[in-house]
Structure formats: C-alpha cells, structure tokens
Amino acid sequence: MFTSLNGAAVVAAADGCPRTVVASLRNCDAAADVLARSLADGIATRVTIVACGEHWSSVIAAEPGLRPSAEDWVGAGLLAGRIADRGYRLSAEARAAAAAADVGLIGDCVSARELRAAGFADDVELAVQLDVSKAVPVSAGPAGSRRTFTRWSA
C-alpha cells in the first residue's frame, strides 16, 4: 500500500465526477479497461487524467509546497496512451504526456533517489512495476454522497 497526500486531495476534489478511478503504473492497463468501459457504457463522456505531483519541502521556501513529479507525469501519459490504444481520441495535452511516457526514467527521478537515500528502495521497486495488478479502485455515486471505493478487477 502506498500513500499519496496529493492523490487523496485529488480524489476528494473529484467528488462531483460520475466515476473516480485510481491508477498507477502497477494497474495501468486494468485502469484503462475500466475507463474505456465507462466511456463505452455512457457512464462518462470524457476522462480527465490528473498527475497529482507531490508535497515537497524546499530549501528556499519557508512553507512546504507542491512540485511536479516526473513519475506522475509519466504514469498519466502511459494511461493516456493506453486509452488511445483502445480507440479513444486524446487532447493535445494528453498526446504530449503519452509521447513522453518513458517508464525507464522513473527509477532515476528525484523522488526515487530521495526514497532510496532514505532507505525505501523496496518501495521504489514496487512502484515502478508495470501492470502487475488487475485491481482498480473505483468510486461512483452522486455528488456530495458518502462515496466509497470498490475494487474492480480486469
């Protein structure tokens, strides 16, 4: 289990969406299946992919902030590419992310180096595994309702 403060904030902000799908490298193909099925079944008319970024303490800023993360950008691009592979049209931004989706870069990004230096090399190795899980957390329901995630498996 991985935690993501920004991922949690994005999920909370998505409350009004007809369906929220949590994707990562580990379940990318299965998540693309869920999204394609949502589009095909009319549950959703479009998909918004959010690369969450990460909390970061800067040496030049007094307050912690956010920084873009290469791993989230690559993951978002990979998911966009998988959706395109299923016949769906992408925005220019999604096409740019898909074109830049080089999974091999993630192991050397700043976050991966920081985690390894802090003794979390095993977490990095788990996070960069591609399509090893068919489980996809999905929530659905009316806006403002107490929504829970269910597990969908490809």
Protein backbone atom coordinates (compact mmCIF):
# COMPACT_ATOMS: atom_id res chain seq x y z
CA MET A 1 0.00 0.00 0.00
CA PHE A 2 1.33 3.40 -0.98
CA THR A 3 0.09 6.67 0.45
CA SER A 4 -0.33 9.84 -1.56
CA LEU A 5 -1.41 13.06 0.12
CA ASN A 6 -1.94 14.75 -3.21
CA GLY A 7 -3.71 11.69 -4.58
CA ALA A 8 -6.11 11.88 -1.64
CA ALA A 9 -6.72 15.58 -2.29
CA VAL A 10 -7.45 14.89 -5.96
CA VAL A 11 -9.87 12.08 -5.09
CA ALA A 12 -11.68 14.40 -2.66
CA ALA A 13 -11.86 17.14 -5.31
CA ALA A 14 -13.35 14.63 -7.78
CA ASP A 15 -16.48 14.20 -5.64
CA GLY A 16 -18.78 15.50 -8.38
CA CYS A 17 -17.44 13.16 -11.03
CA PRO A 18 -19.58 10.23 -12.13
CA ARG A 19 -16.70 7.85 -11.53
CA THR A 20 -13.24 8.16 -9.98
CA VAL A 21 -10.61 5.62 -10.91
CA VAL A 22 -7.27 5.31 -9.12
CA ALA A 23 -4.47 4.33 -11.48
CA SER A 24 -0.74 3.78 -11.19
CA LEU A 25 1.93 2.02 -13.16
CA ARG A 26 1.04 -1.15 -11.26
CA ASN A 27 -2.56 -1.24 -12.59
CA CYS A 28 -2.33 0.97 -15.68
CA ASP A 29 -3.73 -1.47 -18.23
CA ALA A 30 -6.58 -2.57 -15.97
CA ALA A 31 -7.42 1.08 -15.19
CA ALA A 32 -7.51 1.85 -18.92
CA ASP A 33 -10.00 -1.02 -19.29
CA VAL A 34 -12.24 0.48 -16.58
CA LEU A 35 -12.08 3.93 -18.17
CA ALA A 36 -12.77 2.59 -21.67
CA ARG A 37 -15.74 0.63 -20.33
CA SER A 38 -17.04 3.77 -18.57
CA LEU A 39 -16.87 5.67 -21.86
CA ALA A 40 -18.40 2.84 -23.90
CA ASP A 41 -21.25 2.36 -21.40
CA GLY A 42 -22.02 6.11 -21.28
CA ILE A 43 -21.14 6.40 -17.58
CA ALA A 44 -18.69 9.12 -18.58
CA THR A 45 -18.41 11.23 -21.72
CA ARG A 46 -14.77 12.14 -21.16
CA VAL A 47 -11.85 11.25 -18.94
CA THR A 48 -9.69 13.69 -17.02
CA ILE A 49 -6.31 12.32 -16.03
CA VAL A 50 -4.60 14.12 -13.15
CA ALA A 51 -0.89 13.79 -12.43
CA CYS A 52 -1.01 14.59 -8.72
CA GLY A 53 2.50 15.87 -8.02
CA GLU A 54 3.96 15.62 -4.55
CA HIS A 55 4.40 17.51 -1.31
CA TRP A 56 7.90 18.92 -1.07
CA SER A 57 9.94 20.92 1.40
CA SER A 58 12.08 23.41 -0.43
CA VAL A 59 15.33 24.85 0.89
CA ILE A 60 14.29 28.26 -0.48
CA ALA A 61 10.65 28.34 0.69
CA ALA A 62 9.56 28.67 4.29
CA GLU A 63 6.41 26.60 3.71
CA PRO A 64 6.21 23.15 2.16
CA GLY A 65 4.64 23.20 -1.26
CA LEU A 66 3.98 21.07 -4.27
CA ARG A 67 6.31 20.08 -7.04
CA PRO A 68 5.56 18.40 -10.30
CA SER A 69 6.70 14.81 -10.32
CA ALA A 70 8.18 13.01 -13.29
CA GLU A 71 6.70 9.73 -12.13
CA ASP A 72 3.14 11.10 -12.09
CA TRP A 73 3.61 12.76 -15.50
CA VAL A 74 4.92 9.51 -16.98
CA GLY A 75 2.12 7.50 -15.37
CA ALA A 76 -0.53 9.91 -16.66
CA GLY A 77 0.99 9.72 -20.12
CA LEU A 78 1.10 5.95 -20.05
CA LEU A 79 -2.57 5.80 -19.04
CA ALA A 80 -3.50 8.29 -21.78
CA GLY A 81 -1.63 6.18 -24.31
CA ARG A 82 -3.46 3.04 -23.15
CA ILE A 83 -6.80 4.84 -23.59
CA ALA A 84 -5.77 5.91 -27.11
CA ASP A 85 -4.81 2.30 -27.84
CA ARG A 86 -8.46 1.43 -27.15
CA GLY A 87 -9.61 3.80 -29.88
CA TYR A 88 -10.32 6.99 -27.96
CA ARG A 89 -9.18 10.43 -29.09
CA LEU A 90 -6.80 12.37 -26.83
CA SER A 91 -6.41 16.09 -26.24
CA ALA A 92 -3.13 17.71 -27.27
CA GLU A 93 -2.03 17.69 -23.63
CA ALA A 94 -2.77 14.00 -23.24
CA ARG A 95 -0.96 13.24 -26.51
CA ALA A 96 2.09 15.16 -25.24
CA ALA A 97 2.05 13.21 -21.97
CA ALA A 98 1.64 9.92 -23.85
CA ALA A 99 4.59 10.77 -26.10
CA ALA A 100 6.76 11.44 -23.03
CA ALA A 101 5.74 8.27 -21.16
CA ASP A 102 9.16 6.66 -20.74
CA VAL A 103 8.74 4.37 -17.74
CA GLY A 104 12.50 3.78 -17.67
CA LEU A 105 13.04 7.35 -16.45
CA ILE A 106 11.12 6.89 -13.21
CA GLY A 107 13.76 4.91 -11.36
CA ASP A 108 16.18 7.84 -11.69
CA CYS A 109 13.81 10.71 -10.89
CA VAL A 110 14.41 12.94 -7.87
CA SER A 111 11.72 11.22 -5.79
CA ALA A 112 13.17 7.77 -6.43
CA ARG A 113 16.66 8.93 -5.49
CA GLU A 114 15.36 10.57 -2.32
CA LEU A 115 13.40 7.46 -1.32
CA ARG A 116 16.41 5.20 -1.90
CA ALA A 117 18.62 7.53 0.15
CA ALA A 118 16.05 7.40 2.98
CA GLY A 119 16.08 3.59 2.98
CA PHE A 120 12.95 2.97 0.90
CA ALA A 121 14.49 1.29 -2.15
CA ASP A 122 11.95 -1.56 -1.94
CA ASP A 123 9.11 0.97 -2.26
CA VAL A 124 10.66 2.38 -5.41
CA GLU A 125 10.97 -1.08 -6.93
CA LEU A 126 7.32 -1.83 -6.14
CA ALA A 127 6.15 1.48 -7.55
CA VAL A 128 7.86 1.06 -10.92
CA GLN A 129 6.40 -2.37 -11.64
CA LEU A 130 4.18 -2.16 -14.70
CA ASP A 131 0.80 -3.89 -15.00
CA VAL A 132 1.32 -6.34 -12.15
CA SER A 133 -2.15 -5.75 -10.68
CA LYS A 134 -5.60 -6.14 -12.18
CA ALA A 135 -7.27 -4.47 -9.17
CA VAL A 136 -8.57 -0.95 -9.76
CA PRO A 137 -10.13 1.19 -7.01
CA VAL A 138 -13.31 2.78 -8.40
CA SER A 139 -15.85 5.04 -6.72
CA ALA A 140 -19.16 6.14 -8.13
CA GLY A 141 -22.18 7.92 -6.83
CA PRO A 142 -23.96 11.24 -6.72
CA ALA A 143 -22.03 14.35 -5.78
CA GLY A 144 -21.98 15.01 -2.07
CA SER A 145 -22.84 11.45 -1.12
CA ARG A 146 -20.56 9.43 1.10
CA ARG A 147 -18.72 7.56 -1.60
CA THR A 148 -16.57 4.53 -1.05
CA PHE A 149 -14.18 2.80 -3.35
CA THR A 150 -14.90 -0.66 -4.58
CA ARG A 151 -12.40 -2.99 -6.16
CA TRP A 152 -12.88 -3.73 -9.80
CA SER A 153 -10.70 -6.40 -11.38
CA ALA A 154 -9.97 -6.81 -15.05
